[in-house]
Amino acid sequence: MMVANKIKKCKVIATYFGIRRHYPYDCDDTIHVLQDSIQNEIDLDPGVDNLDIILVNHDCGVEKGNEFLQSIDGKEIFCGKIRVITRKWDEGRGISLGSFDYAFKKLQNE
């Protein structure tokens, strides 16, 4: 039997650094939103143990966004770490739900 606090948990956040019709409008806005979110993950107790943040980058080729994600991959947060995975652009198919599905399929055995 597994002990509850040894079970790994994660929160999946889909990222996209391209142009949007609503805020965040572009790469710079997206980085700003993610910086605020990450600071919350560092400072605030989520109420569970072993909570990793999985950022799934729907990679549209914006190098500044990709470099930002590389800079935070592996960063320690309140009770876990940040992990970045990238999925191909594929003409935007699947949007954020595609990213959640991608993360589940890629990491389900972990």
PDB file of N, CA and C in Angstrom:
ATOM      1  N   MET A   1       0.845  -1.180   0.000  1.00  0.00           N
ATOM      2  CA  MET A   1       0.000   0.000   0.000  1.00  0.00           C
ATOM      3  C   MET A   1       0.890   1.242   0.000  1.00  0.00           C
ATOM      4  N   MET A   2       0.546   2.226  -0.862  1.00  0.00           N
ATOM      5  CA  MET A   2       1.314   3.463  -0.936  1.00  0.00           C
ATOM      6  C   MET A   2       0.899   4.409   0.174  1.00  0.00           C
ATOM      7  N   VAL A   3       1.867   5.122   0.701  1.00  0.00           N
ATOM      8  CA  VAL A   3       1.587   6.159   1.681  1.00  0.00           C
ATOM      9  C   VAL A   3       1.161   7.403   0.916  1.00  0.00           C
ATOM     10  N   ALA A   4       0.102   8.067   1.343  1.00  0.00           N
ATOM     11  CA  ALA A   4      -0.498   9.181   0.599  1.00  0.00           C
ATOM     12  C   ALA A   4       0.497  10.280   0.271  1.00  0.00           C
ATOM     13  N   ASN A   5       1.397  10.627   1.192  1.00  0.00           N
ATOM     14  CA  ASN A   5       2.298  11.737   0.923  1.00  0.00           C
ATOM     15  C   ASN A   5       3.426  11.362  -0.039  1.00  0.00           C
ATOM     16  N   LYS A   6       3.557  10.120  -0.422  1.00  0.00           N
ATOM     17  CA  LYS A   6       4.575   9.692  -1.383  1.00  0.00           C
ATOM     18  C   LYS A   6       4.046   9.679  -2.814  1.00  0.00           C
ATOM     19  N   ILE A   7       2.735   9.838  -2.975  1.00  0.00           N
ATOM     20  CA  ILE A   7       2.147   9.847  -4.302  1.00  0.00           C
ATOM     21  C   ILE A   7       2.457  11.182  -4.965  1.00  0.00           C
ATOM     22  N   LYS A   8       2.982  11.128  -6.190  1.00  0.00           N
ATOM     23  CA  LYS A   8       3.295  12.344  -6.925  1.00  0.00           C
ATOM     24  C   LYS A   8       2.016  12.952  -7.479  1.00  0.00           C
ATOM     25  N   LYS A   9       1.951  14.242  -7.426  1.00  0.00           N
ATOM     26  CA  LYS A   9       0.836  14.994  -7.986  1.00  0.00           C
ATOM     27  C   LYS A   9       1.409  16.061  -8.900  1.00  0.00           C
ATOM     28  N   CYS A  10       0.588  16.545  -9.829  1.00  0.00           N
ATOM     29  CA  CYS A  10       1.067  17.617 -10.689  1.00  0.00           C
ATOM     30  C   CYS A  10      -0.074  18.523 -11.102  1.00  0.00           C
ATOM     31  N   LYS A  11       0.305  19.707 -11.477  1.00  0.00           N
ATOM     32  CA  LYS A  11      -0.605  20.681 -12.072  1.00  0.00           C
ATOM     33  C   LYS A  11      -0.050  20.940 -13.466  1.00  0.00           C
ATOM     34  N   VAL A  12      -0.902  20.820 -14.481  1.00  0.00           N
ATOM     35  CA  VAL A  12      -0.464  21.033 -15.861  1.00  0.00           C
ATOM     36  C   VAL A  12      -0.929  22.411 -16.318  1.00  0.00           C
ATOM     37  N   ILE A  13       0.008  23.170 -16.864  1.00  0.00           N
ATOM     38  CA  ILE A  13      -0.284  24.494 -17.409  1.00  0.00           C
ATOM     39  C   ILE A  13       0.133  24.499 -18.868  1.00  0.00           C
ATOM     40  N   ALA A  14      -0.814  24.791 -19.748  1.00  0.00           N
ATOM     41  CA  ALA A  14      -0.521  24.882 -21.177  1.00  0.00           C
ATOM     42  C   ALA A  14       0.027  26.270 -21.481  1.00  0.00           C
ATOM     43  N   THR A  15       1.094  26.320 -22.281  1.00  0.00           N
ATOM     44  CA  THR A  15       1.679  27.605 -22.658  1.00  0.00           C
ATOM     45  C   THR A  15       1.716  27.751 -24.167  1.00  0.00           C
ATOM     46  N   TYR A  16       1.616  29.001 -24.591  1.00  0.00           N
ATOM     47  CA  TYR A  16       1.677  29.361 -26.013  1.00  0.00           C
ATOM     48  C   TYR A  16       2.180  30.798 -26.074  1.00  0.00           C
ATOM     49  N   PHE A  17       3.206  31.039 -26.872  1.00  0.00           N
ATOM     50  CA  PHE A  17       3.836  32.349 -26.910  1.00  0.00           C
ATOM     51  C   PHE A  17       3.512  33.148 -28.167  1.00  0.00           C
ATOM     52  N   GLY A  18       2.581  32.683 -28.955  1.00  0.00           N
ATOM     53  CA  GLY A  18       2.207  33.389 -30.174  1.00  0.00           C
ATOM     54  C   GLY A  18       1.243  34.535 -29.903  1.00  0.00           C
ATOM     55  N   ILE A  19       0.820  35.178 -30.975  1.00  0.00           N
ATOM     56  CA  ILE A  19      -0.109  36.303 -30.917  1.00  0.00           C
ATOM     57  C   ILE A  19      -1.521  35.785 -30.607  1.00  0.00           C
ATOM     58  N   ARG A  20      -2.241  36.526 -29.747  1.00  0.00           N
ATOM     59  CA  ARG A  20      -3.613  36.185 -29.365  1.00  0.00           C
ATOM     60  C   ARG A  20      -4.519  37.400 -29.531  1.00  0.00           C
ATOM     61  N   ARG A  21      -5.799  37.142 -29.572  1.00  0.00           N
ATOM     62  CA  ARG A  21      -6.776  38.235 -29.672  1.00  0.00           C
ATOM     63  C   ARG A  21      -7.064  38.874 -28.324  1.00  0.00           C
ATOM     64  N   HIS A  22      -6.820  38.159 -27.234  1.00  0.00           N
ATOM     65  CA  HIS A  22      -7.088  38.658 -25.890  1.00  0.00           C
ATOM     66  C   HIS A  22      -5.834  38.486 -25.040  1.00  0.00           C
ATOM     67  N   TYR A  23      -5.823  39.162 -23.888  1.00  0.00           N
ATOM     68  CA  TYR A  23      -4.665  39.106 -22.995  1.00  0.00           C
ATOM     69  C   TYR A  23      -4.439  37.684 -22.495  1.00  0.00           C
ATOM     70  N   PRO A  24      -3.219  37.205 -22.456  1.00  0.00           N
ATOM     71  CA  PRO A  24      -1.972  37.844 -22.872  1.00  0.00           C
ATOM     72  C   PRO A  24      -1.844  37.884 -24.397  1.00  0.00           C
ATOM     73  N   TYR A  25      -1.556  39.057 -24.935  1.00  0.00           N
ATOM     74  CA  TYR A  25      -1.575  39.280 -26.375  1.00  0.00           C
ATOM     75  C   TYR A  25      -0.385  38.690 -27.125  1.00  0.00           C
ATOM     76  N   ASP A  26       0.758  38.604 -26.454  1.00  0.00           N
ATOM     77  CA  ASP A  26       1.974  38.192 -27.166  1.00  0.00           C
ATOM     78  C   ASP A  26       2.949  37.510 -26.209  1.00  0.00           C
ATOM     79  N   CYS A  27       4.132  37.264 -26.691  1.00  0.00           N
ATOM     80  CA  CYS A  27       5.154  36.554 -25.914  1.00  0.00           C
ATOM     81  C   CYS A  27       5.485  37.286 -24.616  1.00  0.00           C
ATOM     82  N   ASP A  28       5.689  38.593 -24.677  1.00  0.00           N
ATOM     83  CA  ASP A  28       6.051  39.345 -23.474  1.00  0.00           C
ATOM     84  C   ASP A  28       4.953  39.270 -22.415  1.00  0.00           C
ATOM     85  N   ASP A  29       3.702  39.418 -22.842  1.00  0.00           N
ATOM     86  CA  ASP A  29       2.583  39.299 -21.897  1.00  0.00           C
ATOM     87  C   ASP A  29       2.521  37.896 -21.293  1.00  0.00           C
ATOM     88  N   THR A  30       2.737  36.885 -22.119  1.00  0.00           N
ATOM     89  CA  THR A  30       2.685  35.496 -21.637  1.00  0.00           C
ATOM     90  C   THR A  30       3.780  35.241 -20.611  1.00  0.00           C
ATOM     91  N   ILE A  31       4.978  35.742 -20.886  1.00  0.00           N
ATOM     92  CA  ILE A  31       6.073  35.589 -19.917  1.00  0.00           C
ATOM     93  C   ILE A  31       5.704  36.269 -18.602  1.00  0.00           C
ATOM     94  N   HIS A  32       5.125  37.453 -18.664  1.00  0.00           N
ATOM     95  CA  HIS A  32       4.726  38.169 -17.449  1.00  0.00           C
ATOM     96  C   HIS A  32       3.710  37.360 -16.640  1.00  0.00           C
ATOM     97  N   VAL A  33       2.704  36.813 -17.307  1.00  0.00           N
ATOM     98  CA  VAL A  33       1.692  35.992 -16.626  1.00  0.00           C
ATOM     99  C   VAL A  33       2.351  34.769 -15.981  1.00  0.00           C
ATOM    100  N   LEU A  34       3.237  34.113 -16.724  1.00  0.00           N
ATOM    101  CA  LEU A  34       3.899  32.927 -16.176  1.00  0.00           C
ATOM    102  C   LEU A  34       4.812  33.280 -15.004  1.00  0.00           C
ATOM    103  N   GLN A  35       5.497  34.413 -15.061  1.00  0.00           N
ATOM    104  CA  GLN A  35       6.341  34.825 -13.935  1.00  0.00           C
ATOM    105  C   GLN A  35       5.509  35.014 -12.677  1.00  0.00           C
ATOM    106  N   ASP A  36       4.348  35.664 -12.805  1.00  0.00           N
ATOM    107  CA  ASP A  36       3.457  35.836 -11.654  1.00  0.00           C
ATOM    108  C   ASP A  36       2.966  34.484 -11.129  1.00  0.00           C
ATOM    109  N   SER A  37       2.578  33.593 -12.034  1.00  0.00           N
ATOM    110  CA  SER A  37       2.093  32.268 -11.633  1.00  0.00           C
ATOM    111  C   SER A  37       3.181  31.478 -10.926  1.00  0.00           C
ATOM    112  N   ILE A  38       4.382  31.534 -11.456  1.00  0.00           N
ATOM    113  CA  ILE A  38       5.500  30.793 -10.859  1.00  0.00           C
ATOM    114  C   ILE A  38       5.829  31.341  -9.478  1.00  0.00           C
ATOM    115  N   GLN A  39       5.791  32.662  -9.323  1.00  0.00           N
ATOM    116  CA  GLN A  39       6.053  33.238  -8.004  1.00  0.00           C
ATOM    117  C   GLN A  39       5.024  32.738  -6.993  1.00  0.00           C
ATOM    118  N   ASN A  40       3.764  32.626  -7.412  1.00  0.00           N
ATOM    119  CA  ASN A  40       2.735  32.060  -6.530  1.00  0.00           C
ATOM    120  C   ASN A  40       3.058  30.617  -6.179  1.00  0.00           C
ATOM    121  N   GLU A  41       3.539  29.843  -7.132  1.00  0.00           N
ATOM    122  CA  GLU A  41       3.887  28.440  -6.878  1.00  0.00           C
ATOM    123  C   GLU A  41       5.068  28.329  -5.918  1.00  0.00           C
ATOM    124  N   ILE A  42       5.933  29.320  -5.899  1.00  0.00           N
ATOM    125  CA  ILE A  42       7.077  29.340  -4.978  1.00  0.00           C
ATOM    126  C   ILE A  42       6.622  29.739  -3.570  1.00  0.00           C
ATOM    127  N   ASP A  43       5.766  30.746  -3.488  1.00  0.00           N
ATOM    128  CA  ASP A  43       5.407  31.355  -2.206  1.00  0.00           C
ATOM    129  C   ASP A  43       4.247  30.695  -1.475  1.00  0.00           C
ATOM    130  N   LEU A  44       3.289  30.133  -2.202  1.00  0.00           N
ATOM    131  CA  LEU A  44       2.046  29.682  -1.584  1.00  0.00           C
ATOM    132  C   LEU A  44       2.005  28.168  -1.398  1.00  0.00           C
ATOM    133  N   ASP A  45       1.595  27.759  -0.214  1.00  0.00           N
ATOM    134  CA  ASP A  45       1.423  26.340   0.088  1.00  0.00           C
ATOM    135  C   ASP A  45       0.172  25.833  -0.633  1.00  0.00           C
ATOM    136  N   PRO A  46       0.326  24.862  -1.553  1.00  0.00           N
ATOM    137  CA  PRO A  46      -0.847  24.378  -2.288  1.00  0.00           C
ATOM    138  C   PRO A  46      -1.729  23.438  -1.473  1.00  0.00           C
ATOM    139  N   GLY A  47      -1.278  23.057  -0.281  1.00  0.00           N
ATOM    140  CA  GLY A  47      -2.091  22.195   0.569  1.00  0.00           C
ATOM    141  C   GLY A  47      -1.898  20.713   0.321  1.00  0.00           C
ATOM    142  N   VAL A  48      -0.988  20.364  -0.562  1.00  0.00           N
ATOM    143  CA  VAL A  48      -0.657  18.963  -0.825  1.00  0.00           C
ATOM    144  C   VAL A  48       0.863  18.824  -0.864  1.00  0.00           C
ATOM    145  N   ASP A  49       1.337  17.605  -0.658  1.00  0.00           N
ATOM    146  CA  ASP A  49       2.766  17.338  -0.777  1.00  0.00           C
ATOM    147  C   ASP A  49       3.092  16.921  -2.204  1.00  0.00           C
ATOM    148  N   ASN A  50       4.349  17.090  -2.578  1.00  0.00           N
ATOM    149  CA  ASN A  50       4.861  16.575  -3.853  1.00  0.00           C
ATOM    150  C   ASN A  50       4.078  17.077  -5.063  1.00  0.00           C
ATOM    151  N   LEU A  51       3.883  18.366  -5.177  1.00  0.00           N
ATOM    152  CA  LEU A  51       3.142  18.921  -6.308  1.00  0.00           C
ATOM    153  C   LEU A  51       4.114  19.561  -7.295  1.00  0.00           C
ATOM    154  N   ASP A  52       4.291  18.913  -8.435  1.00  0.00           N
ATOM    155  CA  ASP A  52       5.102  19.481  -9.505  1.00  0.00           C
ATOM    156  C   ASP A  52       4.214  20.269 -10.457  1.00  0.00           C
ATOM    157  N   ILE A  53       4.792  21.247 -11.101  1.00  0.00           N
ATOM    158  CA  ILE A  53       4.109  22.023 -12.133  1.00  0.00           C
ATOM    159  C   ILE A  53       4.672  21.571 -13.473  1.00  0.00           C
ATOM    160  N   ILE A  54       3.805  21.128 -14.355  1.00  0.00           N
ATOM    161  CA  ILE A  54       4.202  20.700 -15.693  1.00  0.00           C
ATOM    162  C   ILE A  54       3.748  21.782 -16.667  1.00  0.00           C
ATOM    163  N   LEU A  55       4.701  22.453 -17.293  1.00  0.00           N
ATOM    164  CA  LEU A  55       4.389  23.436 -18.321  1.00  0.00           C
ATOM    165  C   LEU A  55       4.527  22.750 -19.667  1.00  0.00           C
ATOM    166  N   VAL A  56       3.451  22.718 -20.430  1.00  0.00           N
ATOM    167  CA  VAL A  56       3.470  22.117 -21.756  1.00  0.00           C
ATOM    168  C   VAL A  56       3.484  23.254 -22.768  1.00  0.00           C
ATOM    169  N   ASN A  57       4.585  23.392 -23.473  1.00  0.00           N
ATOM    170  CA  ASN A  57       4.732  24.446 -24.456  1.00  0.00           C
ATOM    171  C   ASN A  57       4.215  23.981 -25.810  1.00  0.00           C
ATOM    172  N   HIS A  58       3.152  24.622 -26.276  1.00  0.00           N
ATOM    173  CA  HIS A  58       2.648  24.388 -27.634  1.00  0.00           C
ATOM    174  C   HIS A  58       3.530  25.258 -28.533  1.00  0.00           C
ATOM    175  N   ASP A  59       4.648  24.694 -28.959  1.00  0.00           N
ATOM    176  CA  ASP A  59       5.764  25.437 -29.556  1.00  0.00           C
ATOM    177  C   ASP A  59       5.439  25.979 -30.948  1.00  0.00           C
ATOM    178  N   CYS A  60       5.256  27.293 -31.001  1.00  0.00           N
ATOM    179  CA  CYS A  60       4.985  27.964 -32.278  1.00  0.00           C
ATOM    180  C   CYS A  60       6.236  28.653 -32.811  1.00  0.00           C
ATOM    181  N   GLY A  61       7.397  28.365 -32.223  1.00  0.00           N
ATOM    182  CA  GLY A  61       8.668  28.863 -32.741  1.00  0.00           C
ATOM    183  C   GLY A  61       9.108  30.220 -32.227  1.00  0.00           C
ATOM    184  N   VAL A  62       8.484  30.744 -31.174  1.00  0.00           N
ATOM    185  CA  VAL A  62       8.905  32.027 -30.607  1.00  0.00           C
ATOM    186  C   VAL A  62      10.079  31.763 -29.668  1.00  0.00           C
ATOM    187  N   GLU A  63      11.267  32.113 -30.122  1.00  0.00           N
ATOM    188  CA  GLU A  63      12.499  31.768 -29.415  1.00  0.00           C
ATOM    189  C   GLU A  63      12.573  32.388 -28.018  1.00  0.00           C
ATOM    190  N   LYS A  64      12.117  33.618 -27.868  1.00  0.00           N
ATOM    191  CA  LYS A  64      12.162  34.272 -26.547  1.00  0.00           C
ATOM    192  C   LYS A  64      11.352  33.470 -25.519  1.00  0.00           C
ATOM    193  N   GLY A  65      10.190  32.987 -25.907  1.00  0.00           N
ATOM    194  CA  GLY A  65       9.370  32.172 -25.011  1.00  0.00           C
ATOM    195  C   GLY A  65      10.034  30.849 -24.684  1.00  0.00           C
ATOM    196  N   ASN A  66      10.612  30.209 -25.705  1.00  0.00           N
ATOM    197  CA  ASN A  66      11.301  28.935 -25.491  1.00  0.00           C
ATOM    198  C   ASN A  66      12.485  29.111 -24.545  1.00  0.00           C
ATOM    199  N   GLU A  67      13.230  30.206 -24.695  1.00  0.00           N
ATOM    200  CA  GLU A  67      14.368  30.474 -23.811  1.00  0.00           C
ATOM    201  C   GLU A  67      13.900  30.714 -22.372  1.00  0.00           C
ATOM    202  N   PHE A  68      12.777  31.416 -22.216  1.00  0.00           N
ATOM    203  CA  PHE A  68      12.233  31.631 -20.874  1.00  0.00           C
ATOM    204  C   PHE A  68      11.908  30.291 -20.213  1.00  0.00           C
ATOM    205  N   LEU A  69      11.246  29.413 -20.944  1.00  0.00           N
ATOM    206  CA  LEU A  69      10.896  28.107 -20.381  1.00  0.00           C
ATOM    207  C   LEU A  69      12.131  27.298 -20.023  1.00  0.00           C
ATOM    208  N   GLN A  70      13.156  27.347 -20.857  1.00  0.00           N
ATOM    209  CA  GLN A  70      14.400  26.644 -20.546  1.00  0.00           C
ATOM    210  C   GLN A  70      15.008  27.166 -19.247  1.00  0.00           C
ATOM    211  N   SER A  71      14.864  28.478 -19.004  1.00  0.00           N
ATOM    212  CA  SER A  71      15.464  29.082 -17.809  1.00  0.00           C
ATOM    213  C   SER A  71      14.769  28.665 -16.514  1.00  0.00           C
ATOM    214  N   ILE A  72      13.526  28.200 -16.603  1.00  0.00           N
ATOM    215  CA  ILE A  72      12.799  27.813 -15.381  1.00  0.00           C
ATOM    216  C   ILE A  72      12.630  26.306 -15.245  1.00  0.00           C
ATOM    217  N   ASP A  73      13.010  25.545 -16.254  1.00  0.00           N
ATOM    218  CA  ASP A  73      12.881  24.081 -16.191  1.00  0.00           C
ATOM    219  C   ASP A  73      13.721  23.545 -15.038  1.00  0.00           C
ATOM    220  N   GLY A  74      13.096  22.808 -14.142  1.00  0.00           N
ATOM    221  CA  GLY A  74      13.791  22.237 -12.989  1.00  0.00           C
ATOM    222  C   GLY A  74      13.794  23.134 -11.762  1.00  0.00           C
ATOM    223  N   LYS A  75      13.249  24.323 -11.852  1.00  0.00           N
ATOM    224  CA  LYS A  75      13.223  25.267 -10.729  1.00  0.00           C
ATOM    225  C   LYS A  75      12.404  24.685  -9.577  1.00  0.00           C
ATOM    226  N   GLU A  76      12.929  24.824  -8.364  1.00  0.00           N
ATOM    227  CA  GLU A  76      12.235  24.361  -7.163  1.00  0.00           C
ATOM    228  C   GLU A  76      11.093  25.317  -6.838  1.00  0.00           C
ATOM    229  N   ILE A  77       9.949  24.749  -6.455  1.00  0.00           N
ATOM    230  CA  ILE A  77       8.813  25.536  -6.000  1.00  0.00           C
ATOM    231  C   ILE A  77       8.447  25.073  -4.591  1.00  0.00           C
ATOM    232  N   PHE A  78       7.323  25.504  -4.044  1.00  0.00           N
ATOM    233  CA  PHE A  78       6.993  25.269  -2.639  1.00  0.00           C
ATOM    234  C   PHE A  78       7.164  23.809  -2.219  1.00  0.00           C
ATOM    235  N   CYS A  79       6.615  22.886  -2.974  1.00  0.00           N
ATOM    236  CA  CYS A  79       6.735  21.471  -2.586  1.00  0.00           C
ATOM    237  C   CYS A  79       6.947  20.578  -3.808  1.00  0.00           C
ATOM    238  N   GLY A  80       7.725  21.065  -4.741  1.00  0.00           N
ATOM    239  CA  GLY A  80       8.011  20.288  -5.935  1.00  0.00           C
ATOM    240  C   GLY A  80       8.958  21.048  -6.842  1.00  0.00           C
ATOM    241  N   LYS A  81       8.779  20.838  -8.137  1.00  0.00           N
ATOM    242  CA  LYS A  81       9.623  21.537  -9.100  1.00  0.00           C
ATOM    243  C   LYS A  81       8.826  21.794 -10.374  1.00  0.00           C
ATOM    244  N   ILE A  82       9.385  22.642 -11.204  1.00  0.00           N
ATOM    245  CA  ILE A  82       8.794  22.931 -12.499  1.00  0.00           C
ATOM    246  C   ILE A  82       9.430  22.010 -13.521  1.00  0.00           C
ATOM    247  N   ARG A  83       8.594  21.464 -14.358  1.00  0.00           N
ATOM    248  CA  ARG A  83       9.070  20.607 -15.447  1.00  0.00           C
ATOM    249  C   ARG A  83       8.455  21.121 -16.747  1.00  0.00           C
ATOM    250  N   VAL A  84       9.277  21.315 -17.759  1.00  0.00           N
ATOM    251  CA  VAL A  84       8.815  21.831 -19.043  1.00  0.00           C
ATOM    252  C   VAL A  84       8.899  20.728 -20.080  1.00  0.00           C
ATOM    253  N   ILE A  85       7.798  20.512 -20.794  1.00  0.00           N
ATOM    254  CA  ILE A  85       7.813  19.618 -21.942  1.00  0.00           C
ATOM    255  C   ILE A  85       7.250  20.393 -23.128  1.00  0.00           C
ATOM    256  N   THR A  86       7.661  20.010 -24.310  1.00  0.00           N
ATOM    257  CA  THR A  86       7.272  20.738 -25.519  1.00  0.00           C
ATOM    258  C   THR A  86       6.574  19.789 -26.476  1.00  0.00           C
ATOM    259  N   ARG A  87       5.514  20.290 -27.064  1.00  0.00           N
ATOM    260  CA  ARG A  87       4.860  19.536 -28.122  1.00  0.00           C
ATOM    261  C   ARG A  87       4.903  20.366 -29.398  1.00  0.00           C
ATOM    262  N   LYS A  88       4.862  19.703 -30.526  1.00  0.00           N
ATOM    263  CA  LYS A  88       4.978  20.407 -31.797  1.00  0.00           C
ATOM    264  C   LYS A  88       3.757  21.284 -32.058  1.00  0.00           C
ATOM    265  N   TRP A  89       3.946  22.281 -32.871  1.00  0.00           N
ATOM    266  CA  TRP A  89       2.906  23.257 -33.177  1.00  0.00           C
ATOM    267  C   TRP A  89       1.717  22.622 -33.886  1.00  0.00           C
ATOM    268  N   ASP A  90       1.953  21.859 -34.935  1.00  0.00           N
ATOM    269  CA  ASP A  90       0.907  21.125 -35.652  1.00  0.00           C
ATOM    270  C   ASP A  90      -0.269  22.024 -36.042  1.00  0.00           C
ATOM    271  N   GLU A  91       0.055  23.200 -36.568  1.00  0.00           N
ATOM    272  CA  GLU A  91      -0.970  24.158 -37.031  1.00  0.00           C
ATOM    273  C   GLU A  91      -1.970  24.546 -35.941  1.00  0.00           C
ATOM    274  N   GLY A  92      -1.579  24.453 -34.693  1.00  0.00           N
ATOM    275  CA  GLY A  92      -2.442  24.867 -33.591  1.00  0.00           C
ATOM    276  C   GLY A  92      -3.487  23.858 -33.158  1.00  0.00           C
ATOM    277  N   ARG A  93      -3.468  22.682 -33.745  1.00  0.00           N
ATOM    278  CA  ARG A  93      -4.482  21.671 -33.407  1.00  0.00           C
ATOM    279  C   ARG A  93      -4.457  21.315 -31.923  1.00  0.00           C
ATOM    280  N   GLY A  94      -5.634  21.233 -31.366  1.00  0.00           N
ATOM    281  CA  GLY A  94      -5.765  20.780 -29.980  1.00  0.00           C
ATOM    282  C   GLY A  94      -5.692  21.866 -28.943  1.00  0.00           C
ATOM    283  N   ILE A  95      -5.163  23.000 -29.271  1.00  0.00           N
ATOM    284  CA  ILE A  95      -4.930  24.120 -28.357  1.00  0.00           C
ATOM    285  C   ILE A  95      -4.597  23.614 -26.951  1.00  0.00           C
ATOM    286  N   SER A  96      -5.126  24.229 -25.904  1.00  0.00           N
ATOM    287  CA  SER A  96      -4.707  23.843 -24.551  1.00  0.00           C
ATOM    288  C   SER A  96      -5.155  22.433 -24.173  1.00  0.00           C
ATOM    289  N   LEU A  97      -6.321  22.002 -24.621  1.00  0.00           N
ATOM    290  CA  LEU A  97      -6.747  20.634 -24.311  1.00  0.00           C
ATOM    291  C   LEU A  97      -5.795  19.618 -24.936  1.00  0.00           C
ATOM    292  N   GLY A  98      -5.267  19.940 -26.105  1.00  0.00           N
ATOM    293  CA  GLY A  98      -4.263  19.078 -26.722  1.00  0.00           C
ATOM    294  C   GLY A  98      -3.005  18.998 -25.877  1.00  0.00           C
ATOM    295  N   SER A  99      -2.648  20.113 -25.228  1.00  0.00           N
ATOM    296  CA  SER A  99      -1.477  20.116 -24.353  1.00  0.00           C
ATOM    297  C   SER A  99      -1.714  19.280 -23.099  1.00  0.00           C
ATOM    298  N   PHE A 100      -2.908  19.379 -22.526  1.00  0.00           N
ATOM    299  CA  PHE A 100      -3.220  18.561 -21.346  1.00  0.00           C
ATOM    300  C   PHE A 100      -3.180  17.074 -21.699  1.00  0.00           C
ATOM    301  N   ASP A 101      -3.754  16.725 -22.841  1.00  0.00           N
ATOM    302  CA  ASP A 101      -3.754  15.343 -23.310  1.00  0.00           C
ATOM    303  C   ASP A 101      -2.327  14.866 -23.571  1.00  0.00           C
ATOM    304  N   TYR A 102      -1.516  15.710 -24.173  1.00  0.00           N
ATOM    305  CA  TYR A 102      -0.118  15.378 -24.457  1.00  0.00           C
ATOM    306  C   TYR A 102       0.636  15.079 -23.157  1.00  0.00           C
ATOM    307  N   ALA A 103       0.446  15.934 -22.156  1.00  0.00           N
ATOM    308  CA  ALA A 103       1.122  15.727 -20.869  1.00  0.00           C
ATOM    309  C   ALA A 103       0.685  14.421 -20.229  1.00  0.00           C
ATOM    310  N   PHE A 104      -0.614  14.144 -20.239  1.00  0.00           N
ATOM    311  CA  PHE A 104      -1.108  12.912 -19.638  1.00  0.00           C
ATOM    312  C   PHE A 104      -0.497  11.695 -20.319  1.00  0.00           C
ATOM    313  N   LYS A 105      -0.536  11.676 -21.637  1.00  0.00           N
ATOM    314  CA  LYS A 105      -0.012  10.529 -22.375  1.00  0.00           C
ATOM    315  C   LYS A 105       1.494  10.358 -22.177  1.00  0.00           C
ATOM    316  N   LYS A 106       2.210  11.472 -22.140  1.00  0.00           N
ATOM    317  CA  LYS A 106       3.670  11.407 -21.996  1.00  0.00           C
ATOM    318  C   LYS A 106       4.093  11.002 -20.580  1.00  0.00           C
ATOM    319  N   LEU A 107       3.334  11.420 -19.575  1.00  0.00           N
ATOM    320  CA  LEU A 107       3.773  11.251 -18.193  1.00  0.00           C
ATOM    321  C   LEU A 107       2.922  10.300 -17.360  1.00  0.00           C
ATOM    322  N   GLN A 108       1.960   9.635 -17.964  1.00  0.00           N
ATOM    323  CA  GLN A 108       1.009   8.826 -17.184  1.00  0.00           C
ATOM    324  C   GLN A 108       1.668   7.718 -16.368  1.00  0.00           C
ATOM    325  N   ASN A 109       2.799   7.236 -16.775  1.00  0.00           N
ATOM    326  CA  ASN A 109       3.452   6.151 -16.036  1.00  0.00           C
ATOM    327  C   ASN A 109       4.372   6.655 -14.928  1.00  0.00           C
ATOM    328  N   GLU A 110       4.491   7.949 -14.795  1.00  0.00           N
ATOM    329  CA  GLU A 110       5.303   8.521 -13.728  1.00  0.00           C
ATOM    330  C   GLU A 110       4.445   8.817 -12.517  1.00  0.00           C
TER     331      GLU A 110
END
